[in-house]
Amino acid sequence: MASWLGSWTNVPGIVLATVFLPLLFPDGHLATRRWLPVAWLGAAIAVVPTAILAIAYWPDRGTALVTETGDQSALVSSMFAVAVGGALLLTAAAATTPPRPSTPSPPGCASRSTCRR
């Protein structure tokens, strides 16, 4: 059971740290609601490869997962590449997106929402 857990539990931690740490920094909230699709896509990139690896490795519990040479199957390599590559692409896209310019409040108003015209 431990070898089965160890074969797939590293993927969500890597993806979640890569995507959500910069996305939720510094206050734990998304900067604006427009980042919500990025958060959902990051969650999908974490969940889908993890579920595929967990289901695919279930028949190979125990010593069947331990190899003498340390080689990984093609499934592990491809799912790890999908998860980490997708997380890095999301992070790069989020880092290169310019922020929206804020519109100043009209003169004499404390904020845009409190002024009536």
N, C-alpha and C. Protein backbone atom coordinates (compact mmCIF):
# COMPACT_ATOMS: atom_id res chain seq x y z
N MET A 1 0.82 -1.19 0.00
CA MET A 1 0.00 0.00 0.00
C MET A 1 0.87 1.25 0.00
N ALA A 2 1.96 1.26 0.76
CA ALA A 2 2.82 2.43 0.82
C ALA A 2 3.49 2.69 -0.52
N SER A 3 3.86 1.64 -1.23
CA SER A 3 4.49 1.85 -2.54
C SER A 3 3.47 2.40 -3.54
N TRP A 4 2.21 2.00 -3.42
CA TRP A 4 1.17 2.53 -4.29
C TRP A 4 0.94 4.02 -4.00
N LEU A 5 0.86 4.38 -2.72
CA LEU A 5 0.68 5.79 -2.35
C LEU A 5 1.88 6.63 -2.78
N GLY A 6 3.08 6.08 -2.61
CA GLY A 6 4.28 6.81 -2.98
C GLY A 6 4.45 7.00 -4.47
N SER A 7 3.73 6.23 -5.26
CA SER A 7 3.90 6.31 -6.71
C SER A 7 3.10 7.44 -7.34
N TRP A 8 2.13 7.99 -6.64
CA TRP A 8 1.31 9.04 -7.25
C TRP A 8 1.06 10.26 -6.38
N THR A 9 1.40 10.24 -5.11
CA THR A 9 1.05 11.35 -4.23
C THR A 9 1.96 12.56 -4.38
N ASN A 10 3.06 12.47 -5.10
CA ASN A 10 3.92 13.64 -5.28
C ASN A 10 3.38 14.60 -6.33
N VAL A 11 2.58 14.13 -7.25
CA VAL A 11 2.08 14.97 -8.35
C VAL A 11 1.20 16.13 -7.85
N PRO A 12 0.19 15.90 -7.01
CA PRO A 12 -0.64 17.05 -6.62
C PRO A 12 0.12 18.11 -5.82
N GLY A 13 1.05 17.70 -5.01
CA GLY A 13 1.81 18.68 -4.23
C GLY A 13 2.65 19.58 -5.11
N ILE A 14 3.29 19.01 -6.11
CA ILE A 14 4.11 19.81 -7.02
C ILE A 14 3.24 20.78 -7.80
N VAL A 15 2.13 20.28 -8.33
CA VAL A 15 1.26 21.13 -9.15
C VAL A 15 0.62 22.22 -8.30
N LEU A 16 0.11 21.87 -7.15
CA LEU A 16 -0.55 22.86 -6.30
C LEU A 16 0.43 23.94 -5.83
N ALA A 17 1.66 23.54 -5.50
CA ALA A 17 2.64 24.54 -5.09
C ALA A 17 3.04 25.43 -6.26
N THR A 18 3.15 24.86 -7.44
CA THR A 18 3.58 25.64 -8.60
C THR A 18 2.50 26.60 -9.06
N VAL A 19 1.24 26.18 -9.03
CA VAL A 19 0.15 27.02 -9.53
C VAL A 19 -0.41 27.93 -8.45
N PHE A 20 -0.78 27.36 -7.32
CA PHE A 20 -1.54 28.12 -6.34
C PHE A 20 -0.70 28.98 -5.42
N LEU A 21 0.56 28.68 -5.23
CA LEU A 21 1.39 29.54 -4.39
C LEU A 21 1.52 30.93 -5.01
N PRO A 22 1.90 31.06 -6.30
CA PRO A 22 1.93 32.42 -6.85
C PRO A 22 0.54 33.03 -7.06
N LEU A 23 -0.44 32.19 -7.32
CA LEU A 23 -1.79 32.68 -7.61
C LEU A 23 -2.46 33.27 -6.37
N LEU A 24 -2.20 32.70 -5.22
CA LEU A 24 -2.86 33.14 -3.98
C LEU A 24 -1.97 33.99 -3.07
N PHE A 25 -0.74 34.25 -3.50
CA PHE A 25 0.16 35.05 -2.69
C PHE A 25 -0.24 36.51 -2.78
N PRO A 26 -0.18 37.33 -1.83
CA PRO A 26 0.28 37.18 -0.46
C PRO A 26 -0.83 37.00 0.56
N ASP A 27 -2.11 37.20 0.17
CA ASP A 27 -3.16 37.21 1.18
C ASP A 27 -4.07 35.98 1.15
N GLY A 28 -3.81 35.02 0.27
CA GLY A 28 -4.62 33.82 0.23
C GLY A 28 -5.87 33.93 -0.62
N HIS A 29 -6.02 35.02 -1.33
CA HIS A 29 -7.18 35.23 -2.19
C HIS A 29 -6.70 35.52 -3.61
N LEU A 30 -7.56 35.21 -4.57
CA LEU A 30 -7.25 35.56 -5.94
C LEU A 30 -7.25 37.08 -6.07
N ALA A 31 -6.40 37.61 -6.95
CA ALA A 31 -6.31 39.06 -7.11
C ALA A 31 -7.64 39.63 -7.60
N THR A 32 -8.24 39.01 -8.59
CA THR A 32 -9.54 39.40 -9.10
C THR A 32 -10.29 38.14 -9.52
N ARG A 33 -11.55 38.30 -9.85
CA ARG A 33 -12.35 37.15 -10.27
C ARG A 33 -11.91 36.60 -11.63
N ARG A 34 -11.17 37.37 -12.40
CA ARG A 34 -10.75 36.88 -13.70
C ARG A 34 -9.69 35.78 -13.59
N TRP A 35 -9.12 35.60 -12.41
CA TRP A 35 -8.16 34.52 -12.18
C TRP A 35 -8.84 33.20 -11.82
N LEU A 36 -10.14 33.22 -11.66
CA LEU A 36 -10.87 32.00 -11.30
C LEU A 36 -10.70 30.88 -12.34
N PRO A 37 -10.76 31.15 -13.65
CA PRO A 37 -10.52 30.06 -14.62
C PRO A 37 -9.11 29.48 -14.51
N VAL A 38 -8.13 30.30 -14.18
CA VAL A 38 -6.77 29.80 -14.01
C VAL A 38 -6.71 28.86 -12.81
N ALA A 39 -7.42 29.22 -11.75
CA ALA A 39 -7.46 28.37 -10.56
C ALA A 39 -8.15 27.04 -10.86
N TRP A 40 -9.26 27.09 -11.59
CA TRP A 40 -9.96 25.85 -11.95
C TRP A 40 -9.11 24.97 -12.86
N LEU A 41 -8.42 25.58 -13.81
CA LEU A 41 -7.55 24.82 -14.69
C LEU A 41 -6.38 24.22 -13.92
N GLY A 42 -5.86 24.95 -12.96
CA GLY A 42 -4.80 24.41 -12.10
C GLY A 42 -5.27 23.22 -11.28
N ALA A 43 -6.49 23.30 -10.78
CA ALA A 43 -7.05 22.17 -10.03
C ALA A 43 -7.23 20.96 -10.93
N ALA A 44 -7.68 21.19 -12.16
CA ALA A 44 -7.85 20.07 -13.11
C ALA A 44 -6.51 19.46 -13.46
N ILE A 45 -5.48 20.29 -13.62
CA ILE A 45 -4.15 19.76 -13.93
C ILE A 45 -3.61 18.96 -12.75
N ALA A 46 -4.02 19.28 -11.55
CA ALA A 46 -3.59 18.51 -10.38
C ALA A 46 -4.38 17.21 -10.24
N VAL A 47 -5.68 17.26 -10.50
CA VAL A 47 -6.54 16.11 -10.21
C VAL A 47 -6.47 15.03 -11.30
N VAL A 48 -6.53 15.42 -12.56
CA VAL A 48 -6.63 14.43 -13.64
C VAL A 48 -5.41 13.51 -13.71
N PRO A 49 -4.17 14.03 -13.80
CA PRO A 49 -3.04 13.09 -13.83
C PRO A 49 -2.91 12.28 -12.55
N THR A 50 -3.25 12.87 -11.41
CA THR A 50 -3.18 12.13 -10.15
C THR A 50 -4.15 10.96 -10.14
N ALA A 51 -5.38 11.20 -10.59
CA ALA A 51 -6.37 10.12 -10.64
C ALA A 51 -5.96 9.03 -11.63
N ILE A 52 -5.43 9.44 -12.77
CA ILE A 52 -4.99 8.44 -13.75
C ILE A 52 -3.87 7.57 -13.18
N LEU A 53 -2.90 8.19 -12.52
CA LEU A 53 -1.82 7.42 -11.93
C LEU A 53 -2.31 6.51 -10.81
N ALA A 54 -3.19 7.01 -9.95
CA ALA A 54 -3.68 6.20 -8.83
C ALA A 54 -4.46 4.99 -9.33
N ILE A 55 -5.30 5.20 -10.35
CA ILE A 55 -6.09 4.08 -10.88
C ILE A 55 -5.21 3.11 -11.65
N ALA A 56 -4.27 3.61 -12.42
CA ALA A 56 -3.42 2.73 -13.21
C ALA A 56 -2.48 1.90 -12.34
N TYR A 57 -2.05 2.44 -11.21
CA TYR A 57 -1.14 1.72 -10.33
C TYR A 57 -1.84 0.79 -9.35
N TRP A 58 -3.14 0.85 -9.24
CA TRP A 58 -3.83 0.03 -8.24
C TRP A 58 -3.56 -1.47 -8.41
N PRO A 59 -3.56 -2.02 -9.63
CA PRO A 59 -3.27 -3.46 -9.75
C PRO A 59 -1.83 -3.82 -9.38
N ASP A 60 -0.91 -2.86 -9.41
CA ASP A 60 0.51 -3.15 -9.18
C ASP A 60 0.96 -2.78 -7.78
N ARG A 61 0.15 -3.05 -6.77
CA ARG A 61 0.54 -2.70 -5.41
C ARG A 61 1.69 -3.59 -4.95
N GLY A 62 2.41 -3.06 -3.95
CA GLY A 62 3.46 -3.85 -3.32
C GLY A 62 4.76 -3.86 -4.11
N THR A 63 5.39 -5.01 -4.14
CA THR A 63 6.72 -5.10 -4.75
C THR A 63 6.67 -4.98 -6.26
N ALA A 64 5.52 -5.08 -6.88
CA ALA A 64 5.43 -4.92 -8.34
C ALA A 64 5.76 -3.49 -8.76
N LEU A 65 5.62 -2.54 -7.87
CA LEU A 65 5.94 -1.15 -8.20
C LEU A 65 7.42 -0.83 -8.03
N VAL A 66 8.14 -1.63 -7.26
CA VAL A 66 9.54 -1.38 -7.00
C VAL A 66 10.37 -2.05 -8.09
N THR A 67 11.18 -1.25 -8.77
CA THR A 67 12.05 -1.80 -9.82
C THR A 67 13.49 -1.74 -9.35
N GLU A 68 14.29 -2.67 -9.83
CA GLU A 68 15.70 -2.72 -9.45
C GLU A 68 16.49 -1.57 -10.07
N THR A 69 16.14 -1.20 -11.29
CA THR A 69 16.91 -0.17 -11.98
C THR A 69 16.40 1.23 -11.69
N GLY A 70 15.26 1.37 -11.11
CA GLY A 70 14.70 2.68 -10.81
C GLY A 70 14.01 3.32 -12.00
N ASP A 71 13.79 2.55 -13.05
CA ASP A 71 13.11 3.09 -14.22
C ASP A 71 11.63 3.27 -13.93
N GLN A 72 11.05 4.27 -14.58
CA GLN A 72 9.63 4.52 -14.44
C GLN A 72 8.93 4.09 -15.72
N SER A 73 7.70 3.71 -15.58
CA SER A 73 6.95 3.34 -16.77
C SER A 73 6.64 4.58 -17.60
N ALA A 74 6.22 4.35 -18.83
CA ALA A 74 5.88 5.47 -19.72
C ALA A 74 4.69 6.25 -19.18
N LEU A 75 3.78 5.58 -18.49
CA LEU A 75 2.62 6.26 -17.92
C LEU A 75 3.04 7.29 -16.87
N VAL A 76 3.95 6.89 -16.01
CA VAL A 76 4.41 7.81 -14.97
C VAL A 76 5.11 9.01 -15.58
N SER A 77 5.98 8.75 -16.53
CA SER A 77 6.72 9.85 -17.16
C SER A 77 5.78 10.81 -17.88
N SER A 78 4.81 10.27 -18.60
CA SER A 78 3.91 11.13 -19.36
C SER A 78 2.96 11.91 -18.45
N MET A 79 2.41 11.29 -17.44
CA MET A 79 1.50 12.00 -16.54
C MET A 79 2.24 13.04 -15.71
N PHE A 80 3.45 12.72 -15.30
CA PHE A 80 4.25 13.69 -14.56
C PHE A 80 4.58 14.88 -15.46
N ALA A 81 4.91 14.62 -16.71
CA ALA A 81 5.20 15.70 -17.66
C ALA A 81 3.97 16.55 -17.92
N VAL A 82 2.80 15.93 -18.05
CA VAL A 82 1.56 16.68 -18.26
C VAL A 82 1.27 17.57 -17.06
N ALA A 83 1.39 17.02 -15.87
CA ALA A 83 1.06 17.77 -14.66
C ALA A 83 2.03 18.93 -14.44
N VAL A 84 3.31 18.65 -14.48
CA VAL A 84 4.30 19.69 -14.21
C VAL A 84 4.35 20.69 -15.35
N GLY A 85 4.29 20.21 -16.59
CA GLY A 85 4.30 21.12 -17.74
C GLY A 85 3.09 22.03 -17.75
N GLY A 86 1.92 21.48 -17.47
CA GLY A 86 0.72 22.30 -17.41
C GLY A 86 0.78 23.33 -16.29
N ALA A 87 1.30 22.92 -15.16
CA ALA A 87 1.42 23.86 -14.03
C ALA A 87 2.40 24.98 -14.36
N LEU A 88 3.51 24.64 -15.00
CA LEU A 88 4.47 25.68 -15.36
C LEU A 88 3.91 26.62 -16.42
N LEU A 89 3.16 26.08 -17.38
CA LEU A 89 2.54 26.93 -18.39
C LEU A 89 1.52 27.88 -17.77
N LEU A 90 0.71 27.38 -16.85
CA LEU A 90 -0.25 28.25 -16.16
C LEU A 90 0.44 29.33 -15.36
N THR A 91 1.50 28.97 -14.67
CA THR A 91 2.23 29.95 -13.88
C THR A 91 2.88 30.99 -14.78
N ALA A 92 3.46 30.56 -15.89
CA ALA A 92 4.07 31.51 -16.82
C ALA A 92 3.02 32.44 -17.43
N ALA A 93 1.87 31.88 -17.78
CA ALA A 93 0.80 32.70 -18.34
C ALA A 93 0.30 33.72 -17.32
N ALA A 94 0.20 33.30 -16.08
CA ALA A 94 -0.26 34.21 -15.04
C ALA A 94 0.78 35.29 -14.76
N ALA A 95 2.04 34.94 -14.86
CA ALA A 95 3.10 35.91 -14.57
C ALA A 95 3.26 36.93 -15.68
N THR A 96 2.94 36.56 -16.92
CA THR A 96 3.14 37.47 -18.03
C THR A 96 1.90 38.28 -18.38
N THR A 97 0.78 37.99 -17.75
CA THR A 97 -0.44 38.75 -18.02
C THR A 97 -0.35 40.11 -17.34
N PRO A 98 -0.46 41.20 -18.10
CA PRO A 98 -0.36 42.52 -17.47
C PRO A 98 -1.60 42.81 -16.63
N PRO A 99 -1.44 43.51 -15.53
CA PRO A 99 -2.61 43.84 -14.70
C PRO A 99 -3.48 44.87 -15.40
N ARG A 100 -4.75 44.85 -15.10
CA ARG A 100 -5.67 45.84 -15.65
C ARG A 100 -5.41 47.18 -14.99
N PRO A 101 -5.42 48.24 -15.78
CA PRO A 101 -5.25 49.55 -15.14
C PRO A 101 -6.50 49.90 -14.34
N SER A 102 -6.29 50.46 -13.18
CA SER A 102 -7.43 50.82 -12.35
C SER A 102 -7.94 52.19 -12.79
N THR A 103 -9.24 52.35 -12.74
CA THR A 103 -9.82 53.63 -13.11
C THR A 103 -9.93 54.49 -11.86
N PRO A 104 -9.48 55.72 -11.92
CA PRO A 104 -9.53 56.56 -10.73
C PRO A 104 -10.96 56.97 -10.40
N SER A 105 -11.17 57.27 -9.15
CA SER A 105 -12.47 57.75 -8.70
C SER A 105 -12.68 59.17 -9.23
N PRO A 106 -13.94 59.51 -9.50
CA PRO A 106 -14.21 60.90 -9.92
C PRO A 106 -13.84 61.88 -8.81
N PRO A 107 -13.54 63.11 -9.17
CA PRO A 107 -13.17 64.09 -8.14
C PRO A 107 -14.30 64.28 -7.12
N GLY A 108 -13.93 64.33 -5.87
CA GLY A 108 -14.90 64.55 -4.81
C GLY A 108 -15.54 63.27 -4.29
N CYS A 109 -15.15 62.11 -4.78
CA CYS A 109 -15.72 60.84 -4.33
C CYS A 109 -14.66 60.01 -3.64
N ALA A 110 -15.05 59.31 -2.59
CA ALA A 110 -14.10 58.45 -1.90
C ALA A 110 -13.81 57.20 -2.72
N SER A 111 -14.83 56.65 -3.34
CA SER A 111 -14.65 55.49 -4.20
C SER A 111 -15.68 55.54 -5.31
N ARG A 112 -15.46 54.74 -6.34
CA ARG A 112 -16.35 54.74 -7.48
C ARG A 112 -17.75 54.23 -7.12
N SER A 113 -17.82 53.31 -6.17
CA SER A 113 -19.11 52.71 -5.84
C SER A 113 -20.00 53.64 -5.00
N THR A 114 -19.41 54.64 -4.33
CA THR A 114 -20.22 55.51 -3.49
C THR A 114 -20.71 56.75 -4.23
N CYS A 115 -20.18 57.02 -5.39
CA CYS A 115 -20.60 58.21 -6.16
C CYS A 115 -21.80 57.90 -7.01
N ARG A 116 -22.70 58.86 -7.08
CA ARG A 116 -23.87 58.72 -7.94
C ARG A 116 -23.87 59.85 -8.95
N ARG A 117 -24.17 59.50 -10.15
CA ARG A 117 -24.21 60.52 -11.19
C ARG A 117 -25.54 60.49 -11.87
